[in-house]
């Protein structure tokens, strides 16, 4: 390559990077500001819910109105995260700008009345809808729209959790299982950093978690305990199975609600009755809302699972029940913060059984269950490092990678595509197949198998002398 060609190529690269920075930074600033408003609103309504316990009785009305509003005015916004992923794979109709106010208001309303939901779904949809609006404003090509939508996901994720690097990698990794799409690497990183910075500039602070185990060891010092690593491996498998169960049961419950009640606005009313009944049967409200903090010291919260003196064997189960009932019926919000709760609680319980460090295993569950449920192990390892520090990177990686493998070809996002299958046993699945299609094929195969068994004539008993 001649010198002139070399410098021309470098100039074109620099020009492309500069173009994306100019385009992405204003978009990320809007997303970061919306995430700041969203996080502030969540804090306010959570305080209001604790101050006014009667608000949970408004849950049926809130759920009914929420789904009714989506039906009559949403016009495509109902697709949520899956719509954004679909538009990245196959740009077409675009992501409606109305998705942003719809998801923000409905998620805040869900938390006000006590629904067990998270924040990531809202942040991703805020990022996707704002990015789509910028794409239309600047009349970008299909290829450029894909990149900007990925940057929007990175901006929302990075800002709402305070993990910009994990947000950038999540945007690349979440689209296709086993394959990273690096064309949006720089735009996603710029968007995540800018959105996180803007969110902090508005005065938003994220909860700090601390692992006391080996706290005095410098991050650069390599530490590996063989017995502890085996325990981490066992936990990683269990985290993956938990992620698989959560995803599959969520999808089955969604189908069950549709089968039980054909009129969509009534589904959250039914779910509200179940949730309120559970509150009084269990005698606690600790599984409502985010589960990040509570004014009641005895309540199960995510930071509480890091306390080495606290052992909690069943909170992971009940939080999963509350979350699945809430989200599968039509209430809005994300799954990830509840998955953080479930993972940290499960890690706490596993550590107690295996005799491992409580706080370390709570941290492993925090990221590993999320890794298995979203098929994003690399992003979750990076998230673990950003939140908990680099001292336990090896354990974080082992837990997240095993959870990813053991969760199988399932996800909370059915629009994810399969790039490379997780094992040779699934080699029959074509590349590019969506997880929604995989589930449909598995359901059809199971139905065919059951039909064959029912149609088979009973075998006659063999007669012979008694032994």
Foldseek 3Di string as FASTA:
>chain_A
DDPVVVVVVVVVVVVVLVVLLVLQLVLLLVLLVLLLVLVVLLVVLLVVCQVPVCLLVCQLVLLLVLVVCCVPPVVQLLCFPLVLLVCLVPPDPAQALVNLVSQSVLQSSQQNNFFQFAALSNLLSNLRSSLRVSCVVVVHDSNVSSLSSLLSQLSSVLQNAVQNVLSLLCSQDLFAFPDGDCPNNSSNSSSSVSSNVSSVVVVDDHDAAEAPVVRVPDLPDADDDPVVLVLLLVLLLVLLQVLLVLQVVLVVLLVVLCVVDVDQSNLSSVLSVVLVVVCVVVVHSLLTHLQQDDPDVVRRHLNVQLDQVDADAPPLPVNSVSNSSRVSSRRHHHCLSSQLSSQLNNLQNSCVVSVHNRNVSSLLRNQQSVCSQSVRLVSSLSVSCVRHNNNCSVSSNSSNVSSNLNNALGHNRQSHWYQDHSDPVPVVDDGGHTNVVVVVVVVVVVVVVVVVVVPDDDDDDDDDDDD
